[in-house]
Structure formats: C-alpha cells, structure tokens
Amino acid sequence: MVELLSKDYPITWQSVLEQVKEGSRTTIGRPHIADALVAAGVYKDRSEAFAHAVRTGSKYYIPTPSPSASEVVNAVKDAGGVSVVAHAADPSRNLTLLSDAQIEELAGEGLGGLEVWHRGNPESERARLLELAERYDLLVTGGSDWHGAGKPNELGENLTDDATVREIVRRGAISLCD
C-alpha cells in the first residue's frame, strides 16, 4: 500500500516507520500510513487521511486476506477463548452489517458476545444488538477502539463492566475444560 501511495504522495516506508510510537512490537497498519501522510502535510489529521487515500475503497487499499467470521469464532473457541464481534453495527466500518440471521448462526457456532457500546454503533442498531444478545445469551461489551493518538476516539470512552469481564474469563475457562 505504501508503495502505491508513494507514486502519488511524498511518503516512504521509512516515513511510515517513523510514525510508530508504541514500540517495536507494534503491528504496522493503516493508522501509521495515515500518520505519515499527515506528517508529509497531505492531510490535516488521521481522520481526513482515512476519509481519502487510506480508506478501504481507495485505489491504494490492499485488502488483507481474512478468514470468515465462522472460522474465527471456531478458532477462538478451540483455543479456549471467547469471541466478541467488534463494532458490529458501525455503518462507517462495515459496508454490510451482520444480519440477525448471521448473528444467530455465529451464536450457534459459539460466538460469545457483541460489542454494543461503541461510538460507531447508532442507537437503533445498539437496540437491535442488545435484543439479539439477550435472545442468544451473548455477552454485551463496550470498547473505545482506541489505537493511539490521532483519532477522535477517547481511551475508555466505552467500557465493558467488571461482571461481563468475569463472565468472559469464566466462559473461557469452561471452554478450556471441554
């Protein structure tokens, strides 16, 4: 992606690496590319870069091969974990939102929860997710989706309550015993 962008914008792989502020164990991704574009003066902030050159629909975007949701749910379950669909109802992140039927299917495969409390989930979708969580005994979580400075998200703006965290741990422990 950086190679494609560098044909039209004044960035290099090195300028992207210079944006890594979180340490050597950081997975470099689009936020760092966006920050390099900001540092080069192309955009005023990370959000603007994500709205243009770094967005998933841009000519520079290279999709990451990903497993299906079903494969992820099963892999997490097999590893003794509890899977939660993050920002499942955020229309700015998902071209197509998960349908009720898809969530039902994933719940049947072992999905553990839905992130309801997220800035991108509209109120009407939060209500839908809460109803589905109750129907399929899914945990309800919250998250700030904070990936460092440069986005409007505030660290801790949406949280998962302590009881839900304990239940995630309990369900994971049970999964390990199966």
N, C-alpha and C. Protein backbone atom coordinates (compact mmCIF):
# COMPACT_ATOMS: atom_id res chain seq x y z
N MET A 1 0.83 -1.19 0.00
CA MET A 1 0.00 0.00 0.00
C MET A 1 0.88 1.25 0.00
N VAL A 2 1.94 1.21 0.79
CA VAL A 2 2.85 2.35 0.84
C VAL A 2 3.51 2.55 -0.53
N GLU A 3 3.86 1.47 -1.16
CA GLU A 3 4.47 1.56 -2.50
C GLU A 3 3.52 2.24 -3.48
N LEU A 4 2.25 1.88 -3.45
CA LEU A 4 1.26 2.51 -4.33
C LEU A 4 1.08 3.99 -3.98
N LEU A 5 0.95 4.28 -2.70
CA LEU A 5 0.78 5.67 -2.27
C LEU A 5 1.98 6.54 -2.63
N SER A 6 3.17 5.96 -2.55
CA SER A 6 4.39 6.75 -2.79
C SER A 6 4.50 7.23 -4.23
N LYS A 7 3.73 6.64 -5.12
CA LYS A 7 3.72 7.12 -6.52
C LYS A 7 3.02 8.47 -6.65
N ASP A 8 2.09 8.74 -5.72
CA ASP A 8 1.31 9.97 -5.78
C ASP A 8 1.51 10.91 -4.59
N TYR A 9 2.10 10.38 -3.52
CA TYR A 9 2.26 11.17 -2.30
C TYR A 9 3.70 11.07 -1.79
N PRO A 10 4.14 12.09 -1.06
CA PRO A 10 5.54 12.11 -0.58
C PRO A 10 5.75 11.29 0.69
N ILE A 11 5.50 9.97 0.60
CA ILE A 11 5.76 9.10 1.74
C ILE A 11 6.59 7.90 1.30
N THR A 12 7.29 7.33 2.26
CA THR A 12 8.12 6.15 2.03
C THR A 12 7.85 5.18 3.18
N TRP A 13 8.35 3.97 3.05
CA TRP A 13 8.23 3.01 4.14
C TRP A 13 8.91 3.56 5.40
N GLN A 14 10.03 4.23 5.21
CA GLN A 14 10.73 4.81 6.35
C GLN A 14 9.88 5.87 7.05
N SER A 15 9.19 6.69 6.28
CA SER A 15 8.35 7.72 6.91
C SER A 15 7.17 7.10 7.65
N VAL A 16 6.71 5.93 7.20
CA VAL A 16 5.67 5.21 7.93
C VAL A 16 6.24 4.66 9.23
N LEU A 17 7.44 4.05 9.16
CA LEU A 17 8.08 3.51 10.36
C LEU A 17 8.31 4.59 11.41
N GLU A 18 8.59 5.80 10.98
CA GLU A 18 8.82 6.91 11.90
C GLU A 18 7.56 7.28 12.70
N GLN A 19 6.40 6.80 12.25
CA GLN A 19 5.14 7.11 12.94
C GLN A 19 4.83 6.12 14.05
N VAL A 20 5.61 5.06 14.16
CA VAL A 20 5.38 4.06 15.20
C VAL A 20 5.87 4.61 16.52
N LYS A 21 4.94 4.88 17.41
CA LYS A 21 5.27 5.46 18.72
C LYS A 21 5.02 4.48 19.86
N GLU A 22 4.45 3.32 19.53
CA GLU A 22 4.03 2.38 20.56
C GLU A 22 5.06 1.30 20.86
N GLY A 23 6.20 1.33 20.21
CA GLY A 23 7.23 0.33 20.50
C GLY A 23 7.44 -0.66 19.37
N SER A 24 8.44 -1.49 19.54
CA SER A 24 8.87 -2.39 18.48
C SER A 24 7.91 -3.55 18.24
N ARG A 25 6.99 -3.81 19.16
CA ARG A 25 6.07 -4.93 18.98
C ARG A 25 4.78 -4.49 18.28
N THR A 26 4.75 -3.29 17.77
CA THR A 26 3.58 -2.75 17.10
C THR A 26 3.38 -3.39 15.75
N THR A 27 2.13 -3.71 15.44
CA THR A 27 1.78 -4.14 14.10
C THR A 27 1.53 -2.89 13.28
N ILE A 28 2.31 -2.72 12.25
CA ILE A 28 2.20 -1.51 11.43
C ILE A 28 1.00 -1.66 10.50
N GLY A 29 0.20 -0.61 10.46
CA GLY A 29 -1.00 -0.66 9.65
C GLY A 29 -1.40 0.69 9.11
N ARG A 30 -2.63 0.76 8.65
CA ARG A 30 -3.13 1.98 8.04
C ARG A 30 -3.06 3.20 8.95
N PRO A 31 -3.23 3.07 10.27
CA PRO A 31 -3.07 4.28 11.09
C PRO A 31 -1.68 4.91 10.94
N HIS A 32 -0.66 4.09 10.82
CA HIS A 32 0.70 4.61 10.67
C HIS A 32 0.90 5.22 9.28
N ILE A 33 0.28 4.62 8.29
CA ILE A 33 0.34 5.19 6.92
C ILE A 33 -0.37 6.54 6.93
N ALA A 34 -1.53 6.60 7.57
CA ALA A 34 -2.26 7.87 7.66
C ALA A 34 -1.42 8.93 8.36
N ASP A 35 -0.76 8.54 9.45
CA ASP A 35 0.08 9.50 10.17
C ASP A 35 1.25 9.98 9.32
N ALA A 36 1.79 9.11 8.48
CA ALA A 36 2.88 9.52 7.58
C ALA A 36 2.36 10.55 6.57
N LEU A 37 1.15 10.36 6.10
CA LEU A 37 0.55 11.32 5.17
C LEU A 37 0.30 12.66 5.86
N VAL A 38 -0.09 12.62 7.13
CA VAL A 38 -0.29 13.85 7.90
C VAL A 38 1.07 14.54 8.10
N ALA A 39 2.08 13.76 8.49
CA ALA A 39 3.42 14.33 8.70
C ALA A 39 3.97 14.96 7.43
N ALA A 40 3.59 14.40 6.28
CA ALA A 40 4.05 14.94 4.99
C ALA A 40 3.24 16.15 4.55
N GLY A 41 2.21 16.50 5.32
CA GLY A 41 1.40 17.67 5.00
C GLY A 41 0.29 17.41 4.00
N VAL A 42 0.02 16.15 3.69
CA VAL A 42 -1.02 15.82 2.71
C VAL A 42 -2.41 16.01 3.33
N TYR A 43 -2.58 15.59 4.57
CA TYR A 43 -3.86 15.71 5.26
C TYR A 43 -3.64 16.40 6.60
N LYS A 44 -4.71 17.00 7.14
CA LYS A 44 -4.58 17.72 8.42
C LYS A 44 -4.58 16.78 9.61
N ASP A 45 -5.23 15.61 9.48
CA ASP A 45 -5.25 14.66 10.59
C ASP A 45 -5.53 13.26 10.07
N ARG A 46 -5.43 12.30 10.98
CA ARG A 46 -5.61 10.89 10.62
C ARG A 46 -7.00 10.63 10.05
N SER A 47 -8.01 11.24 10.64
CA SER A 47 -9.38 11.03 10.17
C SER A 47 -9.54 11.45 8.72
N GLU A 48 -8.92 12.57 8.36
CA GLU A 48 -9.01 13.04 6.97
C GLU A 48 -8.30 12.05 6.04
N ALA A 49 -7.15 11.53 6.45
CA ALA A 49 -6.44 10.54 5.63
C ALA A 49 -7.29 9.29 5.45
N PHE A 50 -7.97 8.86 6.53
CA PHE A 50 -8.83 7.67 6.44
C PHE A 50 -10.06 7.94 5.58
N ALA A 51 -10.46 9.18 5.45
CA ALA A 51 -11.61 9.51 4.61
C ALA A 51 -11.23 9.55 3.13
N HIS A 52 -9.93 9.58 2.85
CA HIS A 52 -9.49 9.70 1.46
C HIS A 52 -8.55 8.57 1.07
N ALA A 53 -7.27 8.81 1.01
CA ALA A 53 -6.31 7.86 0.45
C ALA A 53 -6.20 6.54 1.21
N VAL A 54 -6.46 6.55 2.50
CA VAL A 54 -6.25 5.35 3.30
C VAL A 54 -7.55 4.54 3.47
N ARG A 55 -8.66 5.06 2.99
CA ARG A 55 -9.94 4.36 3.15
C ARG A 55 -9.96 3.05 2.37
N THR A 56 -10.82 2.15 2.81
CA THR A 56 -10.87 0.82 2.19
C THR A 56 -11.26 0.87 0.72
N GLY A 57 -11.96 1.89 0.30
CA GLY A 57 -12.38 1.96 -1.10
C GLY A 57 -11.42 2.70 -2.01
N SER A 58 -10.30 3.16 -1.49
CA SER A 58 -9.37 3.93 -2.32
C SER A 58 -8.60 3.02 -3.28
N LYS A 59 -8.05 3.62 -4.29
CA LYS A 59 -7.27 2.83 -5.26
C LYS A 59 -5.97 2.31 -4.67
N TYR A 60 -5.60 2.79 -3.51
CA TYR A 60 -4.35 2.38 -2.86
C TYR A 60 -4.56 1.21 -1.89
N TYR A 61 -5.80 0.98 -1.52
CA TYR A 61 -6.09 -0.01 -0.49
C TYR A 61 -5.81 -1.43 -1.00
N ILE A 62 -5.14 -2.19 -0.17
CA ILE A 62 -4.90 -3.60 -0.46
C ILE A 62 -5.53 -4.40 0.67
N PRO A 63 -6.59 -5.16 0.36
CA PRO A 63 -7.25 -5.91 1.43
C PRO A 63 -6.35 -6.98 2.03
N THR A 64 -6.52 -7.18 3.30
CA THR A 64 -5.79 -8.24 3.99
C THR A 64 -6.61 -9.51 3.89
N PRO A 65 -6.00 -10.60 3.42
CA PRO A 65 -6.76 -11.85 3.38
C PRO A 65 -7.21 -12.20 4.80
N SER A 66 -8.48 -12.49 4.94
CA SER A 66 -9.03 -12.74 6.26
C SER A 66 -9.86 -14.02 6.26
N PRO A 67 -9.85 -14.72 7.38
CA PRO A 67 -10.73 -15.87 7.50
C PRO A 67 -12.17 -15.40 7.65
N SER A 68 -13.11 -16.29 7.45
CA SER A 68 -14.52 -15.94 7.63
C SER A 68 -14.81 -15.77 9.12
N ALA A 69 -15.92 -15.12 9.41
CA ALA A 69 -16.33 -14.94 10.81
C ALA A 69 -16.51 -16.29 11.48
N SER A 70 -17.07 -17.23 10.78
CA SER A 70 -17.28 -18.57 11.31
C SER A 70 -15.95 -19.23 11.66
N GLU A 71 -14.98 -19.11 10.79
CA GLU A 71 -13.65 -19.68 11.05
C GLU A 71 -13.01 -19.05 12.29
N VAL A 72 -13.18 -17.74 12.44
CA VAL A 72 -12.61 -17.04 13.59
C VAL A 72 -13.29 -17.50 14.88
N VAL A 73 -14.62 -17.54 14.88
CA VAL A 73 -15.36 -17.98 16.08
C VAL A 73 -14.88 -19.37 16.49
N ASN A 74 -14.76 -20.27 15.55
CA ASN A 74 -14.33 -21.63 15.87
C ASN A 74 -12.89 -21.69 16.34
N ALA A 75 -12.01 -20.93 15.73
CA ALA A 75 -10.60 -20.92 16.14
C ALA A 75 -10.45 -20.37 17.56
N VAL A 76 -11.18 -19.30 17.86
CA VAL A 76 -11.12 -18.71 19.20
C VAL A 76 -11.66 -19.70 20.22
N LYS A 77 -12.79 -20.33 19.89
CA LYS A 77 -13.40 -21.32 20.79
C LYS A 77 -12.44 -22.49 21.02
N ASP A 78 -11.82 -22.99 19.95
CA ASP A 78 -10.88 -24.11 20.05
C ASP A 78 -9.65 -23.75 20.89
N ALA A 79 -9.31 -22.47 20.92
CA ALA A 79 -8.16 -22.02 21.71
C ALA A 79 -8.54 -21.69 23.15
N GLY A 80 -9.81 -21.87 23.49
CA GLY A 80 -10.24 -21.58 24.86
C GLY A 80 -10.62 -20.13 25.08
N GLY A 81 -10.85 -19.42 24.01
CA GLY A 81 -11.20 -18.01 24.12
C GLY A 81 -12.68 -17.76 23.94
N VAL A 82 -13.06 -16.52 24.09
CA VAL A 82 -14.44 -16.08 23.93
C VAL A 82 -14.44 -15.00 22.86
N SER A 83 -15.11 -15.25 21.76
CA SER A 83 -15.11 -14.29 20.65
C SER A 83 -16.24 -13.27 20.82
N VAL A 84 -15.92 -12.04 20.46
CA VAL A 84 -16.88 -10.94 20.52
C VAL A 84 -16.76 -10.17 19.21
N VAL A 85 -17.89 -9.94 18.55
CA VAL A 85 -17.87 -9.16 17.31
C VAL A 85 -17.71 -7.69 17.67
N ALA A 86 -16.64 -7.08 17.21
CA ALA A 86 -16.36 -5.67 17.49
C ALA A 86 -17.14 -4.77 16.53
N HIS A 87 -17.58 -3.64 17.05
CA HIS A 87 -18.33 -2.62 16.30
C HIS A 87 -19.17 -3.22 15.18
N ALA A 88 -20.01 -4.18 15.55
CA ALA A 88 -20.80 -4.96 14.59
C ALA A 88 -21.83 -4.15 13.83
N ALA A 89 -22.22 -3.01 14.35
CA ALA A 89 -23.28 -2.23 13.72
C ALA A 89 -22.82 -0.86 13.27
N ASP A 90 -21.53 -0.69 13.08
CA ASP A 90 -20.98 0.60 12.68
C ASP A 90 -21.01 0.71 11.16
N PRO A 91 -21.93 1.50 10.61
CA PRO A 91 -22.04 1.59 9.15
C PRO A 91 -20.83 2.25 8.48
N SER A 92 -20.04 2.98 9.25
CA SER A 92 -18.85 3.61 8.65
C SER A 92 -17.72 2.60 8.48
N ARG A 93 -17.80 1.45 9.14
CA ARG A 93 -16.76 0.44 9.07
C ARG A 93 -17.18 -0.79 8.29
N ASN A 94 -18.46 -1.00 8.16
CA ASN A 94 -18.98 -2.21 7.54
C ASN A 94 -19.86 -1.84 6.36
N LEU A 95 -19.47 -2.26 5.17
CA LEU A 95 -20.30 -1.99 4.00
C LEU A 95 -21.65 -2.66 4.16
N THR A 96 -21.65 -3.85 4.75
CA THR A 96 -22.87 -4.57 5.03
C THR A 96 -22.84 -5.00 6.49
N LEU A 97 -23.86 -4.65 7.23
CA LEU A 97 -23.92 -5.04 8.63
C LEU A 97 -24.33 -6.50 8.75
N LEU A 98 -23.87 -7.15 9.81
CA LEU A 98 -24.30 -8.52 10.07
C LEU A 98 -25.81 -8.53 10.27
N SER A 99 -26.46 -9.46 9.61
CA SER A 99 -27.91 -9.59 9.76
C SER A 99 -28.23 -10.36 11.03
N ASP A 100 -29.49 -10.31 11.43
CA ASP A 100 -29.92 -11.09 12.59
C ASP A 100 -29.63 -12.57 12.36
N ALA A 101 -29.89 -13.04 11.15
CA ALA A 101 -29.67 -14.46 10.83
C ALA A 101 -28.18 -14.82 10.92
N GLN A 102 -27.31 -13.93 10.48
CA GLN A 102 -25.87 -14.20 10.56
C GLN A 102 -25.42 -14.25 12.02
N ILE A 103 -25.93 -13.34 12.84
CA ILE A 103 -25.57 -13.35 14.25
C ILE A 103 -26.11 -14.62 14.91
N GLU A 104 -27.31 -15.03 14.55
CA GLU A 104 -27.88 -16.28 15.08
C GLU A 104 -26.97 -17.46 14.70
N GLU A 105 -26.53 -17.50 13.47
CA GLU A 105 -25.66 -18.59 13.02
C GLU A 105 -24.34 -18.60 13.79
N LEU A 106 -23.73 -17.43 13.95
CA LEU A 106 -22.48 -17.34 14.70
C LEU A 106 -22.68 -17.72 16.17
N ALA A 107 -23.81 -17.32 16.74
CA ALA A 107 -24.10 -17.70 18.12
C ALA A 107 -24.19 -19.21 18.24
N GLY A 108 -24.78 -19.85 17.26
CA GLY A 108 -24.87 -21.30 17.25
C GLY A 108 -23.52 -21.99 17.13
N GLU A 109 -22.56 -21.29 16.57
CA GLU A 109 -21.21 -21.83 16.41
C GLU A 109 -20.31 -21.52 17.60
N GLY A 110 -20.81 -20.72 18.52
CA GLY A 110 -20.02 -20.43 19.72
C GLY A 110 -19.62 -18.99 19.91
N LEU A 111 -20.19 -18.06 19.15
CA LEU A 111 -19.91 -16.64 19.38
C LEU A 111 -20.21 -16.31 20.83
N GLY A 112 -19.34 -15.53 21.45
CA GLY A 112 -19.51 -15.22 22.86
C GLY A 112 -20.20 -13.90 23.15
N GLY A 113 -20.08 -12.92 22.25
CA GLY A 113 -20.67 -11.63 22.57
C GLY A 113 -20.69 -10.66 21.41
N LEU A 114 -21.29 -9.52 21.69
CA LEU A 114 -21.39 -8.43 20.72
C LEU A 114 -20.94 -7.13 21.39
N GLU A 115 -20.09 -6.39 20.72
CA GLU A 115 -19.71 -5.07 21.22
C GLU A 115 -20.84 -4.10 20.85
N VAL A 116 -21.63 -3.78 21.83
CA VAL A 116 -22.76 -2.88 21.63
C VAL A 116 -22.34 -1.44 21.87
N TRP A 117 -21.57 -1.23 22.95
CA TRP A 117 -21.20 0.13 23.37
C TRP A 117 -19.94 0.55 22.63
N HIS A 118 -20.16 1.12 21.46
CA HIS A 118 -19.08 1.61 20.59
C HIS A 118 -19.58 2.87 19.90
N ARG A 119 -18.74 3.85 19.79
CA ARG A 119 -19.15 5.15 19.23
C ARG A 119 -19.77 5.05 17.84
N GLY A 120 -19.39 4.05 17.06
CA GLY A 120 -19.90 3.94 15.69
C GLY A 120 -21.23 3.24 15.55
N ASN A 121 -21.69 2.58 16.60
CA ASN A 121 -22.98 1.88 16.54
C ASN A 121 -24.11 2.87 16.80
N PRO A 122 -24.96 3.13 15.80
CA PRO A 122 -26.09 4.05 16.03
C PRO A 122 -27.05 3.48 17.08
N GLU A 123 -27.79 4.36 17.73
CA GLU A 123 -28.72 3.95 18.79
C GLU A 123 -29.67 2.85 18.33
N SER A 124 -30.22 2.98 17.13
CA SER A 124 -31.17 1.95 16.65
C SER A 124 -30.49 0.60 16.52
N GLU A 125 -29.24 0.60 16.10
CA GLU A 125 -28.50 -0.66 15.96
C GLU A 125 -28.10 -1.20 17.33
N ARG A 126 -27.81 -0.32 18.28
CA ARG A 126 -27.50 -0.79 19.63
C ARG A 126 -28.69 -1.55 20.20
N ALA A 127 -29.88 -1.01 19.98
CA ALA A 127 -31.10 -1.67 20.48
C ALA A 127 -31.25 -3.05 19.83
N ARG A 128 -30.98 -3.14 18.54
CA ARG A 128 -31.06 -4.43 17.84
C ARG A 128 -30.05 -5.40 18.40
N LEU A 129 -28.82 -4.95 18.60
CA LEU A 129 -27.77 -5.82 19.13
C LEU A 129 -28.09 -6.27 20.55
N LEU A 130 -28.62 -5.38 21.38
CA LEU A 130 -29.00 -5.76 22.74
C LEU A 130 -30.07 -6.85 22.73
N GLU A 131 -31.03 -6.72 21.85
CA GLU A 131 -32.10 -7.72 21.75
C GLU A 131 -31.53 -9.05 21.29
N LEU A 132 -30.64 -9.03 20.32
CA LEU A 132 -30.02 -10.26 19.84
C LEU A 132 -29.13 -10.89 20.91
N ALA A 133 -28.41 -10.08 21.65
CA ALA A 133 -27.57 -10.60 22.72
C ALA A 133 -28.41 -11.31 23.76
N GLU A 134 -29.53 -10.72 24.11
CA GLU A 134 -30.41 -11.38 25.09
C GLU A 134 -30.98 -12.67 24.52
N ARG A 135 -31.41 -12.64 23.27
CA ARG A 135 -32.02 -13.81 22.65
C ARG A 135 -31.06 -15.00 22.58
N TYR A 136 -29.79 -14.73 22.29
CA TYR A 136 -28.82 -15.81 22.07
C TYR A 136 -27.81 -15.96 23.20
N ASP A 137 -28.08 -15.36 24.36
CA ASP A 137 -27.20 -15.44 25.52
C ASP A 137 -25.77 -15.00 25.18
N LEU A 138 -25.67 -13.87 24.49
CA LEU A 138 -24.37 -13.31 24.13
C LEU A 138 -24.02 -12.21 25.12
N LEU A 139 -22.76 -12.12 25.45
CA LEU A 139 -22.29 -11.07 26.33
C LEU A 139 -22.32 -9.73 25.59
N VAL A 140 -22.51 -8.67 26.34
CA VAL A 140 -22.54 -7.31 25.78
C VAL A 140 -21.30 -6.59 26.28
N THR A 141 -20.49 -6.12 25.34
CA THR A 141 -19.26 -5.43 25.71
C THR A 141 -19.26 -4.02 25.14
N GLY A 142 -18.27 -3.26 25.61
CA GLY A 142 -18.04 -1.92 25.10
C GLY A 142 -16.57 -1.74 24.83
N GLY A 143 -16.26 -0.85 23.95
CA GLY A 143 -14.86 -0.57 23.64
C GLY A 143 -14.69 0.80 23.05
N SER A 144 -13.51 1.35 23.28
CA SER A 144 -13.23 2.69 22.76
C SER A 144 -12.62 2.64 21.37
N ASP A 145 -12.14 1.46 20.95
CA ASP A 145 -11.50 1.31 19.65
C ASP A 145 -10.33 2.28 19.53
N TRP A 146 -9.65 2.48 20.64
CA TRP A 146 -8.54 3.43 20.69
C TRP A 146 -7.27 2.74 20.21
N HIS A 147 -6.67 3.29 19.18
CA HIS A 147 -5.44 2.74 18.63
C HIS A 147 -4.33 3.78 18.67
N GLY A 148 -4.30 4.56 19.71
CA GLY A 148 -3.30 5.61 19.83
C GLY A 148 -3.87 6.96 19.47
N ALA A 149 -3.06 7.97 19.68
CA ALA A 149 -3.48 9.34 19.39
C ALA A 149 -3.71 9.50 17.89
N GLY A 150 -4.51 10.47 17.54
CA GLY A 150 -4.72 10.77 16.13
C GLY A 150 -6.11 10.47 15.64
N LYS A 151 -6.95 9.86 16.46
CA LYS A 151 -8.34 9.61 16.09
C LYS A 151 -9.21 10.29 17.13
N PRO A 152 -10.47 10.54 16.80
CA PRO A 152 -11.33 11.21 17.78
C PRO A 152 -11.72 10.32 18.96
N ASN A 153 -11.52 9.03 18.86
CA ASN A 153 -11.87 8.12 19.94
C ASN A 153 -11.06 8.44 21.18
N GLU A 154 -11.72 8.41 22.32
CA GLU A 154 -11.07 8.64 23.60
C GLU A 154 -10.84 7.29 24.28
N LEU A 155 -9.68 7.11 24.85
CA LEU A 155 -9.38 5.89 25.57
C LEU A 155 -10.39 5.71 26.70
N GLY A 156 -11.08 4.57 26.70
CA GLY A 156 -12.03 4.27 27.75
C GLY A 156 -13.39 4.92 27.60
N GLU A 157 -13.71 5.47 26.43
CA GLU A 157 -14.99 6.16 26.29
C GLU A 157 -16.18 5.20 26.38
N ASN A 158 -15.97 3.95 26.08
CA ASN A 158 -16.97 2.90 26.27
C ASN A 158 -16.26 1.73 26.91
N LEU A 159 -16.84 1.20 27.96
CA LEU A 159 -16.17 0.15 28.71
C LEU A 159 -17.04 -1.10 28.81
N THR A 160 -16.40 -2.19 29.16
CA THR A 160 -17.09 -3.43 29.49
C THR A 160 -17.10 -3.53 31.01
N ASP A 161 -18.27 -3.76 31.57
CA ASP A 161 -18.37 -3.79 33.03
C ASP A 161 -17.63 -5.00 33.61
N ASP A 162 -17.27 -4.88 34.88
CA ASP A 162 -16.47 -5.91 35.55
C ASP A 162 -17.16 -7.27 35.54
N ALA A 163 -18.46 -7.31 35.73
CA ALA A 163 -19.18 -8.59 35.75
C ALA A 163 -19.07 -9.30 34.41
N THR A 164 -19.13 -8.54 33.32
CA THR A 164 -19.01 -9.14 31.99
C THR A 164 -17.59 -9.65 31.76
N VAL A 165 -16.61 -8.90 32.22
CA VAL A 165 -15.22 -9.36 32.10
C VAL A 165 -15.04 -10.68 32.87
N ARG A 166 -15.60 -10.76 34.06
CA ARG A 166 -15.51 -12.00 34.84
C ARG A 166 -16.20 -13.15 34.10
N GLU A 167 -17.32 -12.86 33.45
CA GLU A 167 -18.04 -13.90 32.70
C GLU A 167 -17.24 -14.35 31.47
N ILE A 168 -16.56 -13.44 30.84
CA ILE A 168 -15.69 -13.81 29.70
C ILE A 168 -14.62 -14.78 30.20
N VAL A 169 -14.00 -14.45 31.32
CA VAL A 169 -12.96 -15.31 31.88
C VAL A 169 -13.55 -16.67 32.25
N ARG A 170 -14.72 -16.68 32.88
CA ARG A 170 -15.37 -17.94 33.27
C ARG A 170 -15.68 -18.80 32.05
N ARG A 171 -16.26 -18.19 31.01
CA ARG A 171 -16.60 -18.95 29.81
C ARG A 171 -15.34 -19.47 29.12
N GLY A 172 -14.30 -18.69 29.14
CA GLY A 172 -13.03 -19.16 28.56
C GLY A 172 -12.47 -20.33 29.32
N ALA A 173 -12.56 -20.29 30.65
CA ALA A 173 -12.06 -21.39 31.48
C ALA A 173 -12.86 -22.67 31.23
N ILE A 174 -14.18 -22.53 31.09
CA ILE A 174 -15.02 -23.69 30.79
C ILE A 174 -14.65 -24.26 29.43
N SER A 175 -14.40 -23.37 28.46
CA SER A 175 -14.02 -23.81 27.11
C SER A 175 -12.73 -24.62 27.14
N LEU A 176 -11.80 -24.24 27.98
CA LEU A 176 -10.54 -24.97 28.08
C LEU A 176 -10.72 -26.37 28.66
N CYS A 177 -11.77 -26.53 29.48
CA CYS A 177 -12.02 -27.85 30.10
C CYS A 177 -12.78 -28.78 29.17
N ASP A 178 -13.41 -28.25 28.15
CA ASP A 178 -14.20 -29.10 27.22
C ASP A 178 -13.34 -30.02 26.40
